[in-house]
């Protein structure tokens, strides 16, 4: 299993959490929400790419 994906997701999570705290405390709740949504989209894109690679591997494995 690749550990790089876990580190990437953790890095995005930590960055989003810090930015969210900073923006919330400065009274910018809307921007904090947008940062959180953007972080979620980035992580979802990373995971979808890995799922796509898995399906391609399974397809190649069972190809006749």
Protein backbone atom coordinates (compact mmCIF):
# COMPACT_ATOMS: atom_id res chain seq x y z
CA UNK A 1 0.00 0.00 0.00
CA UNK A 2 1.22 3.45 -0.82
CA UNK A 3 1.81 5.62 2.19
CA UNK A 4 2.08 8.73 0.03
CA UNK A 5 -1.69 8.98 -0.32
CA UNK A 6 -2.14 8.89 3.45
CA UNK A 7 0.45 11.62 3.90
CA UNK A 8 -1.15 13.78 1.20
CA UNK A 9 -4.59 13.46 2.79
CA UNK A 10 -3.16 14.20 6.23
CA UNK A 11 -1.29 17.25 4.92
CA UNK A 12 -4.41 18.64 3.25
CA UNK A 13 -6.39 17.97 6.43
CA UNK A 14 -3.91 19.75 8.67
CA UNK A 15 -3.64 22.71 6.31
CA UNK A 16 -7.42 23.04 6.02
CA UNK A 17 -7.84 22.77 9.78
CA UNK A 18 -5.30 25.52 10.48
CA UNK A 19 -6.74 27.81 7.82
CA UNK A 20 -10.25 27.13 9.07
CA UNK A 21 -9.31 28.08 12.64
CA UNK A 22 -7.50 31.23 11.52
CA UNK A 23 -10.32 32.39 9.28
CA UNK A 24 -13.03 31.59 11.83
CA UNK A 25 -11.28 33.52 14.59
CA UNK A 26 -10.82 36.51 12.31
CA UNK A 27 -14.56 36.59 11.61
CA UNK A 28 -14.46 35.21 8.07
CA UNK A 29 -16.73 32.21 8.40
CA UNK A 30 -17.68 32.20 4.72
CA UNK A 31 -14.06 31.93 3.59
CA UNK A 32 -13.44 29.25 6.22
CA UNK A 33 -16.31 27.22 4.79
CA UNK A 34 -14.96 27.65 1.26
CA UNK A 35 -11.50 26.47 2.37
CA UNK A 36 -13.07 23.41 3.99
CA UNK A 37 -15.08 22.57 0.87
CA UNK A 38 -12.01 23.05 -1.33
CA UNK A 39 -9.98 20.72 0.89
CA UNK A 40 -12.72 18.12 0.71
CA UNK A 41 -12.80 18.33 -3.08
CA UNK A 42 -9.01 17.96 -3.30
CA UNK A 43 -9.07 14.85 -1.10
CA UNK A 44 -11.98 13.39 -3.06
CA UNK A 45 -10.08 13.89 -6.32
CA UNK A 46 -7.05 12.09 -4.89
CA UNK A 47 -9.18 9.17 -3.74
CA UNK A 48 -11.11 8.96 -7.03
CA UNK A 49 -7.84 8.75 -8.96
CA UNK A 50 -6.70 5.83 -6.82
CA UNK A 51 -10.07 4.08 -7.21
CA UNK A 52 -9.77 4.53 -10.99
CA UNK A 53 -6.33 2.92 -10.89
CA UNK A 54 -7.78 0.03 -8.89
CA UNK A 55 -10.58 -0.56 -11.41
CA UNK A 56 -8.08 -0.45 -14.29
CA UNK A 57 -5.92 -3.01 -12.49
CA UNK A 58 -8.91 -5.29 -11.92
CA UNK A 59 -10.01 -4.91 -15.54
CA UNK A 60 -6.52 -5.80 -16.79
CA UNK A 61 -6.36 -8.73 -14.40
CA UNK A 62 -9.57 -10.31 -15.70
CA UNK A 63 -9.05 -9.38 -19.38
CA UNK A 64 -9.20 -12.32 -21.74
